[in-house]
Protein backbone atom coordinates (compact mmCIF):
# COMPACT_ATOMS: atom_id res chain seq x y z
CA MET A 1 22.13 21.21 -64.35
CA LYS A 2 21.49 24.26 -62.25
CA THR A 3 22.60 23.89 -58.66
CA ASN A 4 21.24 25.55 -55.54
CA LYS A 5 23.72 27.10 -53.14
CA VAL A 6 23.22 26.41 -49.42
CA SER A 7 24.69 28.06 -46.37
CA THR A 8 27.75 26.66 -44.65
CA SER A 9 25.78 25.67 -41.54
CA LEU A 10 23.21 23.76 -43.58
CA LEU A 11 26.02 22.03 -45.48
CA VAL A 12 27.57 20.89 -42.19
CA MET A 13 24.27 19.57 -40.84
CA ALA A 14 23.41 17.87 -44.09
CA SER A 15 26.87 16.36 -44.29
CA LEU A 16 26.61 15.00 -40.75
CA CYS A 17 23.20 13.48 -41.49
CA SER A 18 24.48 11.79 -44.62
CA GLY A 19 27.66 10.57 -42.99
CA THR A 20 30.08 12.56 -45.20
CA VAL A 21 31.68 16.00 -45.06
CA ALA A 22 33.36 15.91 -48.42
CA ALA A 23 30.74 17.63 -50.56
CA GLN A 24 30.46 21.43 -50.67
CA GLU A 25 27.51 21.82 -53.04
CA PHE A 26 24.29 19.83 -53.43
CA THR A 27 21.41 19.75 -55.82
CA GLN A 28 17.93 20.26 -54.35
CA GLU A 29 17.19 16.59 -55.02
CA GLN A 30 20.27 15.57 -53.02
CA ILE A 31 19.31 17.83 -50.13
CA ASP A 32 15.77 16.37 -50.08
CA ALA A 33 17.20 12.86 -50.03
CA ILE A 34 19.56 13.69 -47.15
CA VAL A 35 16.75 15.24 -45.11
CA ALA A 36 14.47 12.26 -45.82
CA ARG A 37 17.14 9.84 -44.58
CA ALA A 38 17.65 11.90 -41.43
CA VAL A 39 13.90 11.94 -40.71
CA ASP A 40 13.64 8.18 -41.33
CA LYS A 41 16.55 7.59 -38.96
CA ALA A 42 15.00 9.71 -36.20
CA LEU A 43 11.62 8.00 -36.56
CA SER A 44 13.30 4.58 -36.57
CA GLU A 45 15.21 5.36 -33.36
CA ARG A 46 12.04 6.65 -31.69
CA GLN A 47 10.11 3.52 -32.66
CA ALA A 48 12.97 1.33 -31.43
CA LYS A 49 12.74 2.94 -27.99
CA LEU A 50 8.97 2.41 -27.85
CA ASP A 51 9.37 -1.21 -28.98
CA ALA A 52 12.04 -1.79 -26.33
CA ALA A 53 9.71 -0.45 -23.65
CA LEU A 54 6.84 -2.69 -24.77
CA ASN A 55 9.09 -5.75 -25.10
CA GLN A 56 9.97 -5.55 -21.42
CA LYS A 57 6.68 -7.47 -20.87
CA ALA A 58 5.91 -5.30 -17.86
CA ASP A 59 2.75 -5.85 -15.86
CA ILE A 60 0.50 -3.46 -17.76
CA ILE A 61 -2.52 -4.77 -15.86
CA ASN A 62 -1.34 -3.75 -12.38
CA GLU A 63 1.50 -1.31 -13.08
CA PRO A 64 0.98 0.22 -16.53
CA GLU A 65 3.36 3.09 -15.80
CA SER A 66 6.30 0.65 -15.54
CA ALA A 67 5.78 -0.48 -19.13
CA ALA A 68 6.37 2.98 -20.58
CA GLN A 69 9.79 3.62 -19.04
CA SER A 70 12.46 3.23 -21.73
CA PRO A 71 16.09 2.78 -20.61
CA ASP A 72 17.13 6.30 -21.60
CA MET A 73 14.60 7.72 -19.10
CA ALA A 74 16.25 6.07 -16.09
CA ILE A 75 17.99 8.30 -13.55
CA PRO A 76 20.10 5.99 -11.36
CA PHE A 77 21.46 8.78 -9.14
CA GLY A 78 20.53 12.35 -8.34
CA VAL A 79 17.04 13.70 -7.68
CA LYS A 80 14.10 12.09 -9.48
CA PHE A 81 10.58 13.52 -9.66
CA THR A 82 7.79 10.98 -10.14
CA GLY A 83 4.08 10.81 -9.53
CA TYR A 84 0.55 10.20 -10.68
CA ALA A 85 -2.22 12.75 -11.19
CA ARG A 86 -5.58 13.34 -12.84
CA TYR A 87 -7.49 16.61 -12.85
CA GLY A 88 -10.38 17.92 -14.91
CA ALA A 89 -14.01 18.96 -14.88
CA GLN A 90 -17.17 16.86 -15.16
CA PHE A 91 -20.69 18.17 -15.80
CA GLN A 92 -23.41 16.23 -14.02
CA GLY A 93 -26.55 15.90 -16.09
CA GLY A 94 -28.31 13.18 -14.08
CA ASP A 95 -28.85 11.80 -10.57
CA GLN A 96 -25.27 10.62 -9.99
CA LYS A 97 -21.99 12.35 -10.78
CA PHE A 98 -20.20 9.01 -10.41
CA VAL A 99 -22.13 5.87 -11.34
CA GLY A 100 -22.05 3.43 -8.43
CA VAL A 101 -24.19 0.66 -6.95
CA ASP A 102 -24.94 0.78 -3.20
CA GLY A 103 -23.01 -1.88 -1.29
CA SER A 104 -20.28 -2.13 -3.91
CA TYR A 105 -16.96 -3.62 -2.79
CA ASN A 106 -15.11 -0.68 -4.36
CA GLY A 107 -17.48 2.24 -4.71
CA ALA A 108 -18.18 3.64 -8.16
CA SER A 109 -14.99 2.21 -9.70
CA ALA A 110 -16.22 -1.38 -9.35
CA ILE A 111 -18.54 -0.74 -12.31
CA GLY A 112 -15.67 0.80 -14.34
CA ARG A 113 -13.37 3.77 -13.74
CA LEU A 114 -13.19 5.35 -17.21
CA GLY A 115 -15.08 8.66 -17.08
CA ASN A 116 -16.16 7.74 -13.56
CA GLU A 117 -13.44 9.03 -11.21
CA GLY A 118 -12.57 12.20 -9.32
CA ASN A 119 -9.50 14.42 -9.21
CA GLY A 120 -6.26 14.14 -7.28
CA GLY A 121 -2.60 13.33 -7.45
CA GLU A 122 0.54 11.97 -5.78
CA PHE A 123 3.91 13.70 -6.21
CA GLN A 124 7.23 12.21 -5.13
CA LEU A 125 10.87 13.29 -4.89
CA SER A 126 13.59 10.64 -4.59
CA LYS A 127 17.32 11.01 -3.99
CA ALA A 128 19.75 8.12 -4.52
CA PHE A 129 23.28 7.72 -3.12
CA ARG A 130 26.06 5.21 -3.70
CA GLY A 131 28.40 4.52 -0.80
CA ASP A 132 32.10 3.79 -1.16
CA ASN A 133 31.33 0.20 -0.19
CA GLY A 134 28.96 -0.16 -3.18
CA ALA A 135 25.72 0.02 -1.20
CA VAL A 136 22.96 1.99 -2.94
CA TRP A 137 20.71 4.13 -0.76
CA ASP A 138 17.57 6.08 -1.55
CA VAL A 139 15.40 8.56 0.36
CA ASN A 140 11.83 9.18 -0.81
CA VAL A 141 9.16 11.73 0.10
CA MET A 142 5.63 11.91 -1.36
CA ILE A 143 2.63 14.13 -0.79
CA ASP A 144 -0.85 13.48 -2.11
CA HIS A 145 -3.97 15.53 -2.84
CA TRP A 146 -7.16 13.46 -2.87
CA GLY A 147 -9.29 15.71 -0.68
CA ASP A 148 -9.27 19.04 1.08
CA GLU A 149 -5.96 18.24 2.78
CA VAL A 150 -2.49 17.66 1.36
CA ASN A 151 -0.96 14.72 3.24
CA LEU A 152 2.48 13.22 3.67
CA LYS A 153 2.09 9.70 2.25
CA LYS A 154 5.73 8.62 2.00
CA ALA A 155 8.86 9.39 3.97
CA TYR A 156 11.22 6.42 3.96
CA ALA A 157 14.78 5.35 3.28
CA GLY A 158 16.13 2.09 1.95
CA VAL A 159 19.34 0.36 0.93
CA THR A 160 20.33 -2.45 -1.39
CA ASN A 161 23.63 -4.20 -2.20
CA VAL A 162 24.38 -4.21 1.52
CA LEU A 163 24.05 -7.96 2.32
CA ALA A 164 26.93 -9.95 0.89
CA SER A 165 24.79 -13.10 0.69
CA ASN A 166 21.83 -11.25 -0.84
CA PRO A 167 23.01 -8.17 -2.75
CA GLY A 168 19.60 -7.72 -4.44
CA ALA A 169 17.67 -7.54 -1.15
CA TYR A 170 16.19 -4.11 -0.32
CA ILE A 171 15.95 -3.12 3.37
CA TRP A 172 13.75 -0.15 4.24
CA ALA A 173 12.17 1.76 7.12
CA GLY A 174 9.74 4.66 7.32
CA ARG A 175 6.32 5.54 5.89
CA ASP A 176 5.43 4.07 2.52
CA PHE A 177 2.75 2.73 0.23
CA HIS A 178 2.88 -0.84 1.42
CA GLN A 179 1.54 -4.05 -0.06
CA ARG A 180 -1.14 -2.39 -2.17
CA PRO A 181 -1.54 -4.55 -5.30
CA GLN A 182 -3.95 -2.68 -7.56
CA GLN A 183 -6.21 -3.60 -10.44
CA GLY A 184 -6.36 -0.96 -13.13
CA ILE A 185 -9.72 -1.18 -14.87
CA ASN A 186 -11.68 -1.05 -11.58
CA ASP A 187 -9.03 0.86 -9.57
CA TYR A 188 -9.21 -1.65 -6.70
CA PHE A 189 -6.49 -2.21 -4.09
CA TRP A 190 -7.38 -5.78 -3.25
CA MET A 191 -4.86 -5.49 -0.40
CA ASN A 192 -3.76 -2.25 1.22
CA HIS A 193 -1.40 -1.83 4.17
CA ASP A 194 -0.04 1.68 3.69
CA GLY A 195 1.65 2.83 6.85
CA GLN A 196 4.96 3.16 8.63
CA GLY A 197 7.30 0.45 9.76
CA ALA A 198 10.23 -1.55 8.39
CA GLY A 199 10.92 -4.57 6.26
CA ILE A 200 12.85 -6.28 3.52
CA LYS A 201 11.95 -6.90 -0.13
CA ASP A 202 13.29 -9.22 -2.82
CA PHE A 203 15.24 -11.46 -0.44
CA ASP A 204 16.48 -14.30 -2.63
CA LEU A 205 15.57 -17.79 -1.40
CA GLY A 206 17.28 -19.78 -4.12
CA GLY A 207 15.53 -18.26 -7.12
CA VAL A 208 12.35 -17.30 -5.26
CA LYS A 209 11.92 -13.78 -3.82
CA PHE A 210 10.56 -13.12 -0.32
CA ASP A 211 9.15 -9.89 1.20
CA LEU A 212 8.55 -9.43 4.93
CA ALA A 213 7.55 -6.34 6.95
CA THR A 214 5.83 -5.08 10.07
CA VAL A 215 3.81 -1.91 9.53
CA ALA A 216 1.45 0.27 11.55
CA ALA A 217 -1.59 2.25 10.45
CA VAL A 218 -0.93 5.99 10.68
CA GLU A 219 -2.94 7.98 13.19
CA SER A 220 -5.30 10.59 11.81
CA CYS A 221 -7.57 13.24 13.23
CA SER A 222 -10.90 14.89 12.52
CA PRO A 223 -10.97 18.68 13.06
CA GLU A 224 -13.19 19.85 15.89
CA VAL A 225 -13.98 23.31 17.24
CA MET A 226 -13.06 23.73 20.90
CA GLU A 227 -14.87 25.96 23.37
CA ASP A 228 -11.55 27.06 24.87
CA GLU A 229 -11.11 30.59 23.56
CA ALA A 230 -7.49 30.63 24.78
CA ASN A 231 -6.68 28.72 21.60
CA PRO A 232 -6.79 31.38 18.83
CA SER A 233 -7.79 28.89 16.14
CA ARG A 234 -10.10 26.85 18.42
CA ILE A 235 -9.41 23.93 16.04
CA THR A 236 -8.07 20.69 17.47
CA CYS A 237 -6.24 19.76 14.26
CA THR A 238 -6.28 20.40 10.55
CA GLY A 239 -7.26 16.86 9.60
CA GLY A 240 -5.45 14.21 7.64
CA SER A 241 -2.52 12.06 8.71
CA GLY A 242 -0.53 12.50 11.90
CA THR A 243 3.00 11.35 12.68
CA GLY A 244 2.38 8.51 15.13
CA ASP A 245 0.98 4.99 14.99
CA LYS A 246 -2.74 4.42 15.41
CA GLY A 247 -2.33 1.14 17.27
CA ASN A 248 -3.35 -1.21 14.44
CA TYR A 249 -0.46 -3.32 13.13
CA ALA A 250 0.13 -5.79 10.31
CA LEU A 251 2.76 -8.44 9.71
CA THR A 252 2.88 -8.83 5.92
CA SER A 253 4.64 -11.34 3.70
CA LYS A 254 4.86 -12.19 0.03
CA ILE A 255 6.58 -14.91 -1.98
CA HIS A 256 7.05 -14.08 -5.66
CA GLY A 257 9.23 -14.81 -8.66
CA MET A 258 7.94 -18.38 -8.84
CA LYS A 259 7.03 -20.27 -12.00
CA VAL A 260 4.41 -23.00 -12.36
CA GLY A 261 4.92 -24.11 -15.94
CA PRO A 262 4.16 -21.05 -18.08
CA LEU A 263 2.47 -19.24 -15.16
CA ASP A 264 3.89 -16.71 -12.71
CA PHE A 265 2.87 -17.55 -9.15
CA GLU A 266 2.63 -15.31 -6.05
CA ILE A 267 1.52 -16.02 -2.46
CA TYR A 268 0.50 -13.43 0.15
CA ALA A 269 0.01 -14.04 3.89
CA ASN A 270 -0.77 -11.29 6.43
CA TYR A 271 -1.58 -11.12 10.13
CA GLY A 272 -3.23 -8.16 11.88
CA PHE A 273 -3.02 -7.31 15.59
CA ASP A 274 -3.50 -4.34 17.96
CA SER A 275 -1.33 -2.68 20.59
CA LYS A 276 -2.46 -1.40 24.00
CA ALA A 277 -3.17 1.94 22.34
CA ILE A 278 -6.48 0.27 21.44
CA GLU A 279 -9.05 -0.29 24.19
CA SER A 280 -8.87 -3.86 25.43
CA ASP A 281 -12.46 -4.70 24.51
CA GLU A 282 -11.83 -3.51 20.94
CA ARG A 283 -8.61 -5.41 20.32
CA THR A 284 -8.85 -8.33 17.95
CA LYS A 285 -6.80 -10.22 15.40
CA ALA A 286 -7.19 -10.84 11.69
CA TRP A 287 -5.43 -12.71 8.94
CA GLN A 288 -5.64 -13.03 5.19
CA GLY A 289 -4.05 -15.03 2.41
CA ALA A 290 -4.06 -14.77 -1.36
CA VAL A 291 -2.70 -16.45 -4.47
CA VAL A 292 -2.07 -14.85 -7.85
CA LEU A 293 -1.55 -16.70 -11.12
CA SER A 294 -0.62 -14.72 -14.22
CA HIS A 295 0.49 -15.39 -17.76
CA THR A 296 2.08 -13.05 -20.29
CA GLY A 297 1.96 -14.08 -23.94
CA GLU A 298 2.86 -12.49 -27.23
CA LYS A 299 -0.48 -10.68 -27.48
CA SER A 300 -2.07 -11.06 -24.09
CA VAL A 301 -1.73 -10.66 -20.33
CA ASN A 302 -4.08 -12.58 -18.02
CA LYS A 303 -4.29 -12.83 -14.25
CA VAL A 304 -6.35 -14.74 -11.66
CA ILE A 305 -6.56 -13.44 -8.08
CA ALA A 306 -8.08 -15.27 -5.10
CA ARG A 307 -8.09 -13.74 -1.59
CA TYR A 308 -9.58 -14.96 1.70
CA SER A 309 -9.76 -12.74 4.81
CA ASP A 310 -10.79 -13.63 8.35
CA ASN A 311 -12.06 -10.77 10.57
CA SER A 312 -11.16 -8.32 7.79
CA ASP A 313 -11.67 -7.42 4.15
CA ASN A 314 -8.83 -6.02 2.03
CA SER A 315 -6.75 -4.80 5.01
CA VAL A 316 -5.92 -6.52 8.31
CA TYR A 317 -5.64 -3.06 9.90
CA SER A 318 -9.46 -2.83 9.91
CA LYS A 319 -11.00 -5.70 11.86
CA THR A 320 -14.55 -6.91 12.41
CA ASP A 321 -15.28 -9.94 14.61
CA GLU A 322 -16.81 -12.91 12.76
CA LEU A 323 -16.36 -11.27 9.36
CA LYS A 324 -15.17 -13.45 6.50
CA THR A 325 -14.65 -12.14 2.98
CA VAL A 326 -13.65 -13.69 -0.32
CA TYR A 327 -12.48 -11.82 -3.39
CA ALA A 328 -11.80 -13.49 -6.73
CA SER A 329 -11.22 -12.01 -10.16
CA PHE A 330 -10.07 -12.75 -13.68
CA GLU A 331 -8.61 -9.86 -15.65
CA GLY A 332 -6.57 -9.37 -18.76
CA ALA A 333 -5.75 -7.58 -21.97
CA TYR A 334 -5.54 -8.80 -25.55
CA LYS A 335 -3.85 -7.09 -28.49
CA PHE A 336 -5.55 -7.97 -31.79
CA THR A 337 -3.26 -5.54 -33.62
CA PRO A 338 -1.08 -2.66 -32.35
CA GLN A 339 -4.08 -0.42 -33.08
CA THR A 340 -6.88 -2.61 -31.70
CA GLN A 341 -6.82 -3.88 -28.11
CA VAL A 342 -9.23 -4.83 -25.35
CA GLU A 343 -9.08 -5.00 -21.54
CA TYR A 344 -11.54 -6.97 -19.40
CA LEU A 345 -12.35 -8.00 -15.83
CA LEU A 346 -14.72 -10.37 -14.04
CA ALA A 347 -14.93 -9.95 -10.25
CA PHE A 348 -16.68 -11.61 -7.31
CA HIS A 349 -16.76 -10.41 -3.69
CA ASP A 350 -18.49 -12.19 -0.79
CA TYR A 351 -19.04 -10.31 2.50
CA ASP A 352 -20.26 -12.60 5.32
CA ASN A 353 -20.54 -11.48 8.95
CA SER A 354 -22.02 -14.28 11.09
CA ALA A 355 -22.41 -11.92 14.08
CA ASP A 356 -24.49 -9.38 12.15
CA SER A 357 -25.98 -10.61 8.89
CA THR A 358 -27.87 -7.45 7.95
CA ASP A 359 -25.15 -6.34 5.51
CA ASN A 360 -24.17 -9.76 4.18
CA ARG A 361 -23.98 -9.66 0.39
CA LYS A 362 -22.33 -10.93 -2.75
CA ASN A 363 -20.95 -8.65 -5.49
CA TYR A 364 -20.80 -9.68 -9.14
CA GLY A 365 -19.12 -7.40 -11.66
CA ALA A 366 -17.99 -7.34 -15.28
CA ILE A 367 -16.10 -4.66 -17.21
CA VAL A 368 -14.89 -4.63 -20.83
CA ARG A 369 -12.93 -1.85 -22.52
CA PRO A 370 -12.24 -2.10 -26.30
CA MET A 371 -9.73 0.49 -27.58
CA TYR A 372 -8.76 1.67 -31.05
CA TRP A 373 -5.80 3.90 -31.99
CA TRP A 374 -6.22 6.01 -35.11
CA ASN A 375 -2.51 6.84 -34.96
CA ASP A 376 0.16 7.24 -32.26
CA VAL A 377 -1.67 10.23 -30.74
CA HIS A 378 -5.45 9.79 -31.11
CA SER A 379 -7.51 6.89 -29.78
CA THR A 380 -11.14 6.03 -29.00
CA TRP A 381 -12.07 3.90 -25.99
CA LEU A 382 -15.44 2.40 -25.05
CA GLU A 383 -15.96 1.00 -21.55
CA ALA A 384 -19.03 -0.99 -20.50
CA GLY A 385 -19.61 -2.15 -16.92
CA TYR A 386 -22.28 -4.08 -15.03
CA GLN A 387 -22.58 -4.83 -11.32
CA ARG A 388 -25.01 -6.66 -9.09
CA VAL A 389 -25.00 -6.53 -5.26
CA ASP A 390 -27.12 -9.38 -3.94
CA TYR A 391 -28.00 -9.01 -0.23
CA ASP A 392 -28.99 -11.96 1.94
CA MET A 393 -31.72 -9.77 3.42
CA GLY A 394 -33.78 -7.26 1.46
CA GLY A 395 -33.15 -8.01 -2.18
CA ASP A 396 -30.45 -6.68 -4.48
CA ASN A 397 -29.03 -3.56 -6.15
CA HIS A 398 -27.72 -3.47 -9.69
CA GLY A 399 -26.59 -1.06 -12.38
CA TRP A 400 -24.73 -0.47 -15.63
CA LYS A 401 -22.39 2.18 -17.02
CA LEU A 402 -21.19 3.06 -20.53
CA THR A 403 -18.39 5.54 -21.30
CA LEU A 404 -17.16 6.76 -24.70
CA SER A 405 -13.81 8.53 -24.50
CA GLN A 406 -11.75 10.31 -27.16
CA ASN A 407 -8.11 10.54 -26.14
CA MET A 408 -4.80 12.13 -27.04
CA THR A 409 -1.68 10.51 -25.63
CA ILE A 410 2.10 10.48 -25.95
CA ALA A 411 2.33 7.13 -27.78
CA MET A 412 0.25 4.18 -28.99
CA GLY A 413 -0.82 1.81 -26.23
CA PRO A 414 -2.99 1.72 -23.06
CA GLU A 415 0.08 1.99 -20.82
CA PHE A 416 1.34 5.34 -22.13
CA ARG A 417 0.73 8.69 -20.42
CA PRO A 418 0.27 11.69 -20.30
CA MET A 419 -3.23 11.52 -21.77
CA LEU A 420 -5.93 14.10 -22.47
CA ARG A 421 -9.38 12.51 -22.25
CA PHE A 422 -12.75 13.88 -23.40
CA TYR A 423 -15.68 11.65 -22.56
CA VAL A 424 -19.39 11.13 -22.10
CA THR A 425 -20.76 8.68 -19.51
CA GLY A 426 -24.25 7.25 -19.18
CA GLY A 427 -25.64 4.76 -16.72
CA ASP A 428 -28.54 3.54 -14.62
CA VAL A 429 -28.58 2.19 -11.06
CA ASP A 430 -31.52 0.51 -9.33
CA ASN A 431 -30.96 0.33 -5.55
CA ARG A 432 -33.95 -1.82 -4.65
CA ARG A 433 -32.56 -3.12 -1.37
CA THR A 434 -31.62 0.41 -0.26
CA ALA A 435 -35.18 1.58 -0.88
CA ARG A 436 -36.66 -1.23 1.21
CA VAL A 437 -34.26 -0.63 4.11
CA ASN A 438 -35.04 3.10 4.08
CA GLY A 439 -38.77 2.35 4.12
CA THR A 440 -39.64 4.04 0.83
CA ASP A 441 -42.57 2.88 -1.25
CA THR A 442 -40.73 2.85 -4.57
CA ASP A 443 -37.38 1.62 -5.76
CA THR A 444 -34.48 4.07 -5.74
CA GLN A 445 -33.58 4.32 -9.43
CA LEU A 446 -30.80 6.72 -10.45
CA ASP A 447 -30.01 7.78 -14.01
CA SER A 448 -26.69 9.31 -15.03
CA PHE A 449 -25.46 11.37 -17.97
CA ASN A 450 -22.12 13.13 -17.47
CA VAL A 451 -19.73 14.95 -19.80
CA GLY A 452 -16.14 15.72 -18.90
CA GLY A 453 -12.55 16.36 -19.83
CA MET A 454 -9.42 15.57 -17.82
CA PHE A 455 -5.74 14.75 -18.04
CA GLU A 456 -4.12 11.67 -16.58
CA ALA A 457 -0.38 11.24 -16.16
CA TRP A 458 2.11 8.95 -14.50
CA PHE A 459 5.75 9.81 -14.71
């Protein structure tokens, strides 16, 4: 049989792939077989990493980015660059660029965020250190870009493995994203206490974890032009966040890591108060509590959230006398096959101010997002959303949205990014109550038809 000669370098690589270095000559059929085995091995290892990431049973509903981190991507020490961003262009062909119902508890995203969100990003650098005593420290800095200004959103340091009785407890101080549990499909922070302060996380209370912190809202400014020409810029400030405290404070707490049968159980309790930086007649107090029940199965993740707030809504920083709000939702995801999955959410929000009932209303919302993957790169998603805002005075507003999106992503699954997304969005909103309040003769009906393309990435 005629043999084909190969170069020495190819022989070495082929020999390594096949696990032997004894042969010096190969037939073409043998070379093809060796290459095929090498390719199969590489694909198998890649799939094993993806399977390991998915089998972590991470919370893909609230923190999808955590589910896509395989162990070989971890950087325990040194500098780590992480973030989230989405940028693109969207052509507005109707009355609204982003489909939203007036009075919504969460703007346009409450009717569904796919093909219905603007641009921006958050970019973070972290540096970790290990002391000679075994304590592990980290310093973190983040900037964000969600408007005209670039703001400093994080600047904090923390340490773990420093308490002998609680080595897993994390003690921190500085400015951070704080207690901001988020829902993905409607992009809602049903609590949000970003600010600067200090606290402790994951303090072990005999198998149950406890978080406690005191944080302050960050002061901000609105640029104004001064008449004083001695100031060359004549601008009071450039806008965005300052460095000091605004005067609104929150004592936050969370108990987590609990099990109630097959369910994971969390409890939140927060108290809001003001310092003397706030005028005495404007100082007030607020509190809120919430419970979360979730269940992760072989093919599904489901979660129930119930929150009650007194004198506040989703943050005890912002206070309104006699205001009481309730938020409740059921959300989840179900995997029919690795290629066919669906995400869904039902939400209810009640806004009730006994001192001023003109804006009292109830929100009802539903979103469903079926997804199909043609392979590990290409997928098609369809998102349908409906929302009704029923006012106590003046009628109601309602609307619907439908988005079809063709995507390219790094791997198969809703939790994987980066993603390139090309979409078309249609919708209709009828703001009847808004029309009556504004004194117009006809209802305010807004049609939408938008086409866009963007990338989304978390890393």
